[in-house]
PDB file of all heavy atoms in Angstrom:
ATOM      1  N   GLU A   1      49.840 117.139 198.056  1.00  0.00           N
ATOM      2  CA  GLU A   1      50.573 117.664 199.205  1.00  0.00           C
ATOM      3  C   GLU A   1      52.070 117.756 198.900  1.00  0.00           C
ATOM      4  O   GLU A   1      52.741 118.735 199.257  1.00  0.00           O
ATOM      5  CB  GLU A   1      50.342 116.769 200.423  1.00  0.00           C
ATOM      6  CG  GLU A   1      51.104 117.180 201.678  1.00  0.00           C
ATOM      7  CD  GLU A   1      50.670 118.529 202.233  1.00  0.00           C
ATOM      8  OE1 GLU A   1      49.582 119.014 201.843  1.00  0.00           O
ATOM      9  OE2 GLU A   1      51.422 119.088 203.048  1.00  0.00           O
ATOM     10  N   GLU A   2      52.582 116.736 198.220  1.00  0.00           N
ATOM     11  CA  GLU A   2      53.994 116.744 197.848  1.00  0.00           C
ATOM     12  C   GLU A   2      54.298 117.911 196.907  1.00  0.00           C
ATOM     13  O   GLU A   2      55.313 118.590 197.045  1.00  0.00           O
ATOM     14  CB  GLU A   2      54.353 115.419 197.175  1.00  0.00           C
ATOM     15  CG  GLU A   2      55.827 115.297 196.816  1.00  0.00           C
ATOM     16  CD  GLU A   2      56.153 113.959 196.182  1.00  0.00           C
ATOM     17  OE1 GLU A   2      55.250 113.108 196.090  1.00  0.00           O
ATOM     18  OE2 GLU A   2      57.314 113.783 195.768  1.00  0.00           O
ATOM     19  N   GLN A   3      53.378 118.145 195.960  1.00  0.00           N
ATOM     20  CA  GLN A   3      53.555 119.258 195.024  1.00  0.00           C
ATOM     21  C   GLN A   3      53.497 120.600 195.745  1.00  0.00           C
ATOM     22  O   GLN A   3      54.258 121.520 195.442  1.00  0.00           O
ATOM     23  CB  GLN A   3      52.464 119.195 193.939  1.00  0.00           C
ATOM     24  CG  GLN A   3      52.617 120.196 192.809  1.00  0.00           C
ATOM     25  CD  GLN A   3      53.861 119.948 191.981  1.00  0.00           C
ATOM     26  OE1 GLN A   3      54.325 118.820 191.882  1.00  0.00           O
ATOM     27  NE2 GLN A   3      54.427 120.993 191.410  1.00  0.00           N
ATOM     28  N   ARG A   4      52.572 120.685 196.730  1.00  0.00           N
ATOM     29  CA  ARG A   4      52.422 121.932 197.481  1.00  0.00           C
ATOM     30  C   ARG A   4      53.682 122.225 198.302  1.00  0.00           C
ATOM     31  O   ARG A   4      54.173 123.357 198.337  1.00  0.00           O
ATOM     32  CB  ARG A   4      51.211 121.841 198.411  1.00  0.00           C
ATOM     33  CG  ARG A   4      50.884 123.131 199.155  1.00  0.00           C
ATOM     34  CD  ARG A   4      49.706 122.935 200.089  1.00  0.00           C
ATOM     35  NE  ARG A   4      50.033 122.010 201.153  1.00  0.00           N
ATOM     36  CZ  ARG A   4      50.711 122.347 202.246  1.00  0.00           C
ATOM     37  NH1 ARG A   4      51.141 123.587 202.415  1.00  0.00           N
ATOM     38  NH2 ARG A   4      50.972 121.442 203.185  1.00  0.00           N
ATOM     39  N   VAL A   5      54.223 121.190 198.950  1.00  0.00           N
ATOM     40  CA  VAL A   5      55.452 121.357 199.732  1.00  0.00           C
ATOM     41  C   VAL A   5      56.602 121.766 198.835  1.00  0.00           C
ATOM     42  O   VAL A   5      57.405 122.644 199.167  1.00  0.00           O
ATOM     43  CB  VAL A   5      55.796 120.055 200.489  1.00  0.00           C
ATOM     44  CG1 VAL A   5      57.180 120.138 201.122  1.00  0.00           C
ATOM     45  CG2 VAL A   5      54.742 119.771 201.556  1.00  0.00           C
ATOM     46  N   LEU A   6      56.666 121.135 197.648  1.00  0.00           N
ATOM     47  CA  LEU A   6      57.718 121.472 196.695  1.00  0.00           C
ATOM     48  C   LEU A   6      57.583 122.918 196.235  1.00  0.00           C
ATOM     49  O   LEU A   6      58.568 123.653 196.136  1.00  0.00           O
ATOM     50  CB  LEU A   6      57.659 120.526 195.491  1.00  0.00           C
ATOM     51  CG  LEU A   6      58.704 120.759 194.391  1.00  0.00           C
ATOM     52  CD1 LEU A   6      60.107 120.587 194.963  1.00  0.00           C
ATOM     53  CD2 LEU A   6      58.481 119.810 193.227  1.00  0.00           C
ATOM     54  N   GLN A   7      56.320 123.322 195.977  1.00  0.00           N
ATOM     55  CA  GLN A   7      56.074 124.706 195.544  1.00  0.00           C
ATOM     56  C   GLN A   7      56.476 125.693 196.628  1.00  0.00           C
ATOM     57  O   GLN A   7      57.093 126.720 196.345  1.00  0.00           O
ATOM     58  CB  GLN A   7      54.576 124.870 195.211  1.00  0.00           C
ATOM     59  CG  GLN A   7      54.175 126.271 194.760  1.00  0.00           C
ATOM     60  CD  GLN A   7      54.581 126.532 193.327  1.00  0.00           C
ATOM     61  OE1 GLN A   7      54.977 125.606 192.630  1.00  0.00           O
ATOM     62  NE2 GLN A   7      54.510 127.772 192.894  1.00  0.00           N
ATOM     63  N   GLN A   8      56.134 125.373 197.878  1.00  0.00           N
ATOM     64  CA  GLN A   8      56.506 126.250 198.987  1.00  0.00           C
ATOM     65  C   GLN A   8      58.022 126.332 199.124  1.00  0.00           C
ATOM     66  O   GLN A   8      58.581 127.381 199.432  1.00  0.00           O
ATOM     67  CB  GLN A   8      55.900 125.743 200.297  1.00  0.00           C
ATOM     68  CG  GLN A   8      54.416 126.027 200.434  1.00  0.00           C
ATOM     69  CD  GLN A   8      53.889 125.581 201.782  1.00  0.00           C
ATOM     70  OE1 GLN A   8      54.500 124.765 202.468  1.00  0.00           O
ATOM     71  NE2 GLN A   8      52.742 126.101 202.156  1.00  0.00           N
ATOM     72  N   SER A   9      58.693 125.215 198.898  1.00  0.00           N
ATOM     73  CA  SER A   9      60.146 125.200 198.973  1.00  0.00           C
ATOM     74  C   SER A   9      60.754 126.099 197.913  1.00  0.00           C
ATOM     75  O   SER A   9      61.692 126.848 198.179  1.00  0.00           O
ATOM     76  CB  SER A   9      60.658 123.767 198.798  1.00  0.00           C
ATOM     77  OG  SER A   9      62.065 123.739 198.770  1.00  0.00           O
ATOM     78  N   VAL A  10      60.185 126.049 196.700  1.00  0.00           N
ATOM     79  CA  VAL A  10      60.674 126.904 195.608  1.00  0.00           C
ATOM     80  C   VAL A  10      60.413 128.362 195.925  1.00  0.00           C
ATOM     81  O   VAL A  10      61.279 129.224 195.763  1.00  0.00           O
ATOM     82  CB  VAL A  10      60.015 126.508 194.271  1.00  0.00           C
ATOM     83  CG1 VAL A  10      60.383 127.503 193.187  1.00  0.00           C
ATOM     84  CG2 VAL A  10      60.437 125.105 193.866  1.00  0.00           C
ATOM     85  N   VAL A  11      59.192 128.645 196.434  1.00  0.00           N
ATOM     86  CA  VAL A  11      58.830 130.015 196.790  1.00  0.00           C
ATOM     87  C   VAL A  11      59.755 130.541 197.867  1.00  0.00           C
ATOM     88  O   VAL A  11      60.237 131.674 197.802  1.00  0.00           O
ATOM     89  CB  VAL A  11      57.358 130.081 197.257  1.00  0.00           C
ATOM     90  CG1 VAL A  11      57.069 131.409 197.935  1.00  0.00           C
ATOM     91  CG2 VAL A  11      56.422 129.892 196.077  1.00  0.00           C
ATOM     92  N   LYS A  12      60.031 129.707 198.872  1.00  0.00           N
ATOM     93  CA  LYS A  12      60.914 130.117 199.949  1.00  0.00           C
ATOM     94  C   LYS A  12      62.300 130.435 199.407  1.00  0.00           C
ATOM     95  O   LYS A  12      62.947 131.391 199.830  1.00  0.00           O
ATOM     96  CB  LYS A  12      60.995 128.993 200.996  1.00  0.00           C
ATOM     97  CG  LYS A  12      61.829 129.354 202.213  1.00  0.00           C
ATOM     98  CD  LYS A  12      61.218 130.525 202.950  1.00  0.00           C
ATOM     99  CE  LYS A  12      62.027 130.852 204.187  1.00  0.00           C
ATOM    100  NZ  LYS A  12      61.543 132.048 204.871  1.00  0.00           N
ATOM    101  N   THR A  13      62.734 129.631 198.411  1.00  0.00           N
ATOM    102  CA  THR A  13      64.030 129.894 197.794  1.00  0.00           C
ATOM    103  C   THR A  13      64.044 131.264 197.145  1.00  0.00           C
ATOM    104  O   THR A  13      64.987 132.035 197.278  1.00  0.00           O
ATOM    105  CB  THR A  13      64.344 128.812 196.745  1.00  0.00           C
ATOM    106  OG1 THR A  13      64.341 127.537 197.370  1.00  0.00           O
ATOM    107  CG2 THR A  13      65.705 129.053 196.113  1.00  0.00           C
ATOM    108  N   TYR A  14      62.980 131.585 196.419  1.00  0.00           N
ATOM    109  CA  TYR A  14      62.893 132.903 195.801  1.00  0.00           C
ATOM    110  C   TYR A  14      62.916 134.005 196.850  1.00  0.00           C
ATOM    111  O   TYR A  14      63.589 135.015 196.694  1.00  0.00           O
ATOM    112  CB  TYR A  14      61.584 133.037 194.992  1.00  0.00           C
ATOM    113  CG  TYR A  14      61.494 132.103 193.801  1.00  0.00           C
ATOM    114  CD1 TYR A  14      60.255 131.712 193.301  1.00  0.00           C
ATOM    115  CD2 TYR A  14      62.639 131.613 193.179  1.00  0.00           C
ATOM    116  CE1 TYR A  14      60.160 130.859 192.210  1.00  0.00           C
ATOM    117  CE2 TYR A  14      62.551 130.757 192.092  1.00  0.00           C
ATOM    118  CZ  TYR A  14      61.311 130.379 191.606  1.00  0.00           C
ATOM    119  OH  TYR A  14      61.223 129.550 190.548  1.00  0.00           O
ATOM    120  N   GLU A  15      62.154 133.795 197.941  1.00  0.00           N
ATOM    121  CA  GLU A  15      62.051 134.838 198.967  1.00  0.00           C
ATOM    122  C   GLU A  15      63.392 135.109 199.635  1.00  0.00           C
ATOM    123  O   GLU A  15      63.667 136.226 200.058  1.00  0.00           O
ATOM    124  CB  GLU A  15      61.023 134.422 200.023  1.00  0.00           C
ATOM    125  CG  GLU A  15      59.577 134.472 199.516  1.00  0.00           C
ATOM    126  CD  GLU A  15      58.602 134.039 200.588  1.00  0.00           C
ATOM    127  OE1 GLU A  15      59.032 133.382 201.552  1.00  0.00           O
ATOM    128  OE2 GLU A  15      57.410 134.349 200.444  1.00  0.00           O
ATOM    129  N   ASP A  16      64.207 134.063 199.737  1.00  0.00           N
ATOM    130  CA  ASP A  16      65.505 134.220 200.393  1.00  0.00           C
ATOM    131  C   ASP A  16      66.548 134.877 199.505  1.00  0.00           C
ATOM    132  O   ASP A  16      67.608 135.277 199.982  1.00  0.00           O
ATOM    133  CB  ASP A  16      66.031 132.845 200.836  1.00  0.00           C
ATOM    134  CG  ASP A  16      65.235 132.296 202.017  1.00  0.00           C
ATOM    135  OD1 ASP A  16      64.568 133.112 202.690  1.00  0.00           O
ATOM    136  OD2 ASP A  16      65.269 131.085 202.244  1.00  0.00           O
ATOM    137  N   MET A  17      66.248 134.983 198.208  1.00  0.00           N
ATOM    138  CA  MET A  17      67.233 135.527 197.274  1.00  0.00           C
ATOM    139  C   MET A  17      67.150 137.049 197.189  1.00  0.00           C
ATOM    140  O   MET A  17      66.078 137.620 197.298  1.00  0.00           O
ATOM    141  CB  MET A  17      67.012 134.937 195.868  1.00  0.00           C
ATOM    142  CG  MET A  17      67.412 133.497 195.725  1.00  0.00           C
ATOM    143  SD  MET A  17      67.234 132.943 194.016  1.00  0.00           S
ATOM    144  CE  MET A  17      67.780 131.248 194.154  1.00  0.00           C
ATOM    145  N   THR A  18      68.291 137.639 196.972  1.00  0.00           N
ATOM    146  CA  THR A  18      68.323 139.072 196.672  1.00  0.00           C
ATOM    147  C   THR A  18      68.061 139.260 195.190  1.00  0.00           C
ATOM    148  O   THR A  18      68.021 138.296 194.410  1.00  0.00           O
ATOM    149  CB  THR A  18      69.698 139.661 197.026  1.00  0.00           C
ATOM    150  OG1 THR A  18      70.687 139.049 196.184  1.00  0.00           O
ATOM    151  CG2 THR A  18      70.056 139.409 198.480  1.00  0.00           C
ATOM    152  N   LEU A  19      67.880 140.518 194.776  1.00  0.00           N
ATOM    153  CA  LEU A  19      67.673 140.803 193.352  1.00  0.00           C
ATOM    154  C   LEU A  19      68.862 140.308 192.531  1.00  0.00           C
ATOM    155  O   LEU A  19      68.694 139.775 191.426  1.00  0.00           O
ATOM    156  CB  LEU A  19      67.472 142.307 193.147  1.00  0.00           C
ATOM    157  CG  LEU A  19      66.146 142.881 193.646  1.00  0.00           C
ATOM    158  CD1 LEU A  19      66.152 144.394 193.508  1.00  0.00           C
ATOM    159  CD2 LEU A  19      64.972 142.294 192.881  1.00  0.00           C
ATOM    160  N   GLU A  20      70.071 140.479 193.051  1.00  0.00           N
ATOM    161  CA  GLU A  20      71.260 140.046 192.331  1.00  0.00           C
ATOM    162  C   GLU A  20      71.300 138.527 192.190  1.00  0.00           C
ATOM    163  O   GLU A  20      71.651 137.996 191.126  1.00  0.00           O
ATOM    164  CB  GLU A  20      72.524 140.524 193.055  1.00  0.00           C
ATOM    165  CG  GLU A  20      72.731 142.034 193.064  1.00  0.00           C
ATOM    166  CD  GLU A  20      71.854 142.748 194.078  1.00  0.00           C
ATOM    167  OE1 GLU A  20      71.216 142.054 194.915  1.00  0.00           O
ATOM    168  OE2 GLU A  20      71.796 143.986 194.029  1.00  0.00           O
ATOM    169  N   GLU A  21      70.909 137.793 193.248  1.00  0.00           N
ATOM    170  CA  GLU A  21      70.901 136.332 193.183  1.00  0.00           C
ATOM    171  C   GLU A  21      69.862 135.820 192.206  1.00  0.00           C
ATOM    172  O   GLU A  21      70.078 134.820 191.511  1.00  0.00           O
ATOM    173  CB  GLU A  21      70.650 135.760 194.579  1.00  0.00           C
ATOM    174  CG  GLU A  21      71.827 135.933 195.530  1.00  0.00           C
ATOM    175  CD  GLU A  21      71.482 135.570 196.959  1.00  0.00           C
ATOM    176  OE1 GLU A  21      70.292 135.618 197.320  1.00  0.00           O
ATOM    177  OE2 GLU A  21      72.411 135.237 197.702  1.00  0.00           O
ATOM    178  N   LEU A  22      68.709 136.481 192.151  1.00  0.00           N
ATOM    179  CA  LEU A  22      67.700 136.103 191.167  1.00  0.00           C
ATOM    180  C   LEU A  22      68.238 136.260 189.750  1.00  0.00           C
ATOM    181  O   LEU A  22      68.006 135.417 188.881  1.00  0.00           O
ATOM    182  CB  LEU A  22      66.438 136.960 191.353  1.00  0.00           C
ATOM    183  CG  LEU A  22      65.585 136.649 192.581  1.00  0.00           C
ATOM    184  CD1 LEU A  22      64.461 137.672 192.707  1.00  0.00           C
ATOM    185  CD2 LEU A  22      65.005 135.248 192.499  1.00  0.00           C
ATOM    186  N   GLU A  23      68.967 137.340 189.528  1.00  0.00           N
ATOM    187  CA  GLU A  23      69.564 137.572 188.208  1.00  0.00           C
ATOM    188  C   GLU A  23      70.586 136.479 187.891  1.00  0.00           C
ATOM    189  O   GLU A  23      70.621 135.940 186.783  1.00  0.00           O
ATOM    190  CB  GLU A  23      70.254 138.943 188.191  1.00  0.00           C
ATOM    191  CG  GLU A  23      69.310 140.120 188.390  1.00  0.00           C
ATOM    192  CD  GLU A  23      68.687 140.596 187.100  1.00  0.00           C
ATOM    193  OE1 GLU A  23      69.065 140.059 186.044  1.00  0.00           O
ATOM    194  OE2 GLU A  23      67.827 141.486 187.143  1.00  0.00           O
ATOM    195  N   ASP A  24      71.437 136.129 188.867  1.00  0.00           N
ATOM    196  CA  ASP A  24      72.512 135.163 188.639  1.00  0.00           C
ATOM    197  C   ASP A  24      71.976 133.764 188.346  1.00  0.00           C
ATOM    198  O   ASP A  24      72.593 132.997 187.586  1.00  0.00           O
ATOM    199  CB  ASP A  24      73.447 135.107 189.858  1.00  0.00           C
ATOM    200  CG  ASP A  24      74.214 136.413 190.049  1.00  0.00           C
ATOM    201  OD1 ASP A  24      74.307 137.187 189.075  1.00  0.00           O
ATOM    202  OD2 ASP A  24      74.698 136.651 191.175  1.00  0.00           O
ATOM    203  N   ASN A  25      70.835 133.401 188.983  1.00  0.00           N
ATOM    204  CA  ASN A  25      70.290 132.047 188.830  1.00  0.00           C
ATOM    205  C   ASN A  25      69.187 131.956 187.783  1.00  0.00           C
ATOM    206  O   ASN A  25      68.514 130.929 187.685  1.00  0.00           O
ATOM    207  CB  ASN A  25      69.748 131.554 190.185  1.00  0.00           C
ATOM    208  CG  ASN A  25      70.851 131.319 191.197  1.00  0.00           C
ATOM    209  OD1 ASN A  25      71.497 130.281 191.201  1.00  0.00           O
ATOM    210  ND2 ASN A  25      71.080 132.301 192.051  1.00  0.00           N
ATOM    211  N   GLU A  26      69.024 132.994 187.015  1.00  0.00           N
ATOM    212  CA  GLU A  26      67.913 133.072 186.063  1.00  0.00           C
ATOM    213  C   GLU A  26      67.932 131.916 185.062  1.00  0.00           C
ATOM    214  O   GLU A  26      66.884 131.396 184.680  1.00  0.00           O
ATOM    215  CB  GLU A  26      67.987 134.411 185.317  1.00  0.00           C
ATOM    216  CG  GLU A  26      66.719 134.768 184.567  1.00  0.00           C
ATOM    217  CD  GLU A  26      66.741 136.207 184.083  1.00  0.00           C
ATOM    218  OE1 GLU A  26      67.806 136.834 184.124  1.00  0.00           O
ATOM    219  OE2 GLU A  26      65.683 136.681 183.651  1.00  0.00           O
ATOM    220  N   ASP A  27      69.119 131.466 184.618  1.00  0.00           N
ATOM    221  CA  ASP A  27      69.217 130.421 183.595  1.00  0.00           C
ATOM    222  C   ASP A  27      68.795 129.051 184.109  1.00  0.00           C
ATOM    223  O   ASP A  27      68.533 128.139 183.310  1.00  0.00           O
ATOM    224  CB  ASP A  27      70.658 130.335 183.070  1.00  0.00           C
ATOM    225  CG  ASP A  27      71.064 131.606 182.334  1.00  0.00           C
ATOM    226  OD1 ASP A  27      70.146 132.329 181.872  1.00  0.00           O
ATOM    227  OD2 ASP A  27      72.274 131.887 182.235  1.00  0.00           O
ATOM    228  N   GLU A  28      68.741 128.888 185.428  1.00  0.00           N
ATOM    229  CA  GLU A  28      68.426 127.581 185.996  1.00  0.00           C
ATOM    230  C   GLU A  28      66.926 127.346 186.156  1.00  0.00           C
ATOM    231  O   GLU A  28      66.520 126.249 186.523  1.00  0.00           O
ATOM    232  CB  GLU A  28      69.106 127.440 187.367  1.00  0.00           C
ATOM    233  CG  GLU A  28      70.620 127.557 187.317  1.00  0.00           C
ATOM    234  CD  GLU A  28      71.247 127.431 188.684  1.00  0.00           C
ATOM    235  OE1 GLU A  28      70.521 127.011 189.620  1.00  0.00           O
ATOM    236  OE2 GLU A  28      72.435 127.746 188.830  1.00  0.00           O
ATOM    237  N   PHE A  29      66.087 128.338 185.895  1.00  0.00           N
ATOM    238  CA  PHE A  29      64.661 128.204 186.121  1.00  0.00           C
ATOM    239  C   PHE A  29      63.909 127.960 184.812  1.00  0.00           C
ATOM    240  O   PHE A  29      64.288 128.472 183.752  1.00  0.00           O
ATOM    241  CB  PHE A  29      64.112 129.469 186.785  1.00  0.00           C
ATOM    242  CG  PHE A  29      64.764 129.771 188.113  1.00  0.00           C
ATOM    243  CD1 PHE A  29      65.438 130.976 188.312  1.00  0.00           C
ATOM    244  CD2 PHE A  29      64.704 128.869 189.144  1.00  0.00           C
ATOM    245  CE1 PHE A  29      66.047 131.241 189.521  1.00  0.00           C
ATOM    246  CE2 PHE A  29      65.308 129.140 190.361  1.00  0.00           C
ATOM    247  CZ  PHE A  29      65.979 130.331 190.547  1.00  0.00           C
ATOM    248  N   ASN A  30      62.814 127.193 184.904  1.00  0.00           N
ATOM    249  CA  ASN A  30      61.975 126.955 183.728  1.00  0.00           C
ATOM    250  C   ASN A  30      60.961 128.079 183.568  1.00  0.00           C
ATOM    251  O   ASN A  30      60.993 129.079 184.300  1.00  0.00           O
ATOM    252  CB  ASN A  30      61.281 125.590 183.834  1.00  0.00           C
ATOM    253  CG  ASN A  30      60.413 125.488 185.093  1.00  0.00           C
ATOM    254  OD1 ASN A  30      59.854 126.485 185.545  1.00  0.00           O
ATOM    255  ND2 ASN A  30      60.322 124.293 185.654  1.00  0.00           N
ATOM    256  N   GLU A  31      60.014 127.881 182.621  1.00  0.00           N
ATOM    257  CA  GLU A  31      59.061 128.962 182.308  1.00  0.00           C
ATOM    258  C   GLU A  31      58.182 129.304 183.505  1.00  0.00           C
ATOM    259  O   GLU A  31      57.918 130.480 183.786  1.00  0.00           O
ATOM    260  CB  GLU A  31      58.188 128.533 181.115  1.00  0.00           C
ATOM    261  CG  GLU A  31      57.246 129.624 180.638  1.00  0.00           C
ATOM    262  CD  GLU A  31      56.468 129.204 179.406  1.00  0.00           C
ATOM    263  OE1 GLU A  31      56.878 128.243 178.730  1.00  0.00           O
ATOM    264  OE2 GLU A  31      55.434 129.838 179.139  1.00  0.00           O
ATOM    265  N   GLU A  32      57.739 128.281 184.241  1.00  0.00           N
ATOM    266  CA  GLU A  32      56.902 128.532 185.414  1.00  0.00           C
ATOM    267  C   GLU A  32      57.706 129.243 186.497  1.00  0.00           C
ATOM    268  O   GLU A  32      57.214 130.150 187.175  1.00  0.00           O
ATOM    269  CB  GLU A  32      56.359 127.205 185.944  1.00  0.00           C
ATOM    270  CG  GLU A  32      55.366 127.378 187.097  1.00  0.00           C
ATOM    271  CD  GLU A  32      54.754 126.059 187.520  1.00  0.00           C
ATOM    272  OE1 GLU A  32      54.886 125.079 186.761  1.00  0.00           O
ATOM    273  OE2 GLU A  32      54.154 126.030 188.600  1.00  0.00           O
ATOM    274  N   ASP A  33      58.963 128.840 186.639  1.00  0.00           N
ATOM    275  CA  ASP A  33      59.841 129.504 187.595  1.00  0.00           C
ATOM    276  C   ASP A  33      60.042 130.967 187.233  1.00  0.00           C
ATOM    277  O   ASP A  33      60.091 131.839 188.102  1.00  0.00           O
ATOM    278  CB  ASP A  33      61.212 128.813 187.646  1.00  0.00           C
ATOM    279  CG  ASP A  33      61.138 127.415 188.246  1.00  0.00           C
ATOM    280  OD1 ASP A  33      60.230 127.193 189.066  1.00  0.00           O
ATOM    281  OD2 ASP A  33      61.961 126.577 187.885  1.00  0.00           O
ATOM    282  N   GLU A  34      60.169 131.227 185.939  1.00  0.00           N
ATOM    283  CA  GLU A  34      60.404 132.597 185.468  1.00  0.00           C
ATOM    284  C   GLU A  34      59.267 133.523 185.886  1.00  0.00           C
ATOM    285  O   GLU A  34      59.501 134.665 186.288  1.00  0.00           O
ATOM    286  CB  GLU A  34      60.550 132.615 183.945  1.00  0.00           C
ATOM    287  CG  GLU A  34      61.849 132.035 183.426  1.00  0.00           C
ATOM    288  CD  GLU A  34      63.036 132.919 183.747  1.00  0.00           C
ATOM    289  OE1 GLU A  34      62.833 134.104 184.071  1.00  0.00           O
ATOM    290  OE2 GLU A  34      64.171 132.416 183.692  1.00  0.00           O
ATOM    291  N   ARG A  35      58.036 133.004 185.798  1.00  0.00           N
ATOM    292  CA  ARG A  35      56.884 133.832 186.202  1.00  0.00           C
ATOM    293  C   ARG A  35      56.949 134.129 187.689  1.00  0.00           C
ATOM    294  O   ARG A  35      56.683 135.256 188.128  1.00  0.00           O
ATOM    295  CB  ARG A  35      55.577 133.119 185.849  1.00  0.00           C
ATOM    296  CG  ARG A  35      55.269 133.094 184.365  1.00  0.00           C
ATOM    297  CD  ARG A  35      53.822 132.712 184.109  1.00  0.00           C
ATOM    298  NE  ARG A  35      53.524 131.348 184.536  1.00  0.00           N
ATOM    299  CZ  ARG A  35      53.643 130.276 183.753  1.00  0.00           C
ATOM    300  NH1 ARG A  35      54.058 130.422 182.500  1.00  0.00           N
ATOM    301  NH2 ARG A  35      53.351 129.070 184.203  1.00  0.00           N
ATOM    302  N   ALA A  36      57.294 133.105 188.471  1.00  0.00           N
ATOM    303  CA  ALA A  36      57.407 133.305 189.922  1.00  0.00           C
ATOM    304  C   ALA A  36      58.550 134.260 190.245  1.00  0.00           C
ATOM    305  O   ALA A  36      58.432 135.129 191.111  1.00  0.00           O
ATOM    306  CB  ALA A  36      57.626 131.960 190.619  1.00  0.00           C
ATOM    307  N   ILE A  37      59.665 134.105 189.512  1.00  0.00           N
ATOM    308  CA  ILE A  37      60.814 134.982 189.739  1.00  0.00           C
ATOM    309  C   ILE A  37      60.451 136.427 189.450  1.00  0.00           C
ATOM    310  O   ILE A  37      60.806 137.336 190.209  1.00  0.00           O
ATOM    311  CB  ILE A  37      62.007 134.557 188.846  1.00  0.00           C
ATOM    312  CG1 ILE A  37      62.598 133.253 189.361  1.00  0.00           C
ATOM    313  CG2 ILE A  37      63.085 135.625 188.814  1.00  0.00           C
ATOM    314  CD1 ILE A  37      63.623 132.644 188.433  1.00  0.00           C
TER     315      ILE A  37
END
């Protein structure tokens, strides 16, 4: 459940970002994040 909540939080972060913000924060994400991004 903790992992699921964390995953939803990450997903929500992605959803709130614009294309430009995704580009700017690209270096902060790991390989799994990159796939989601």
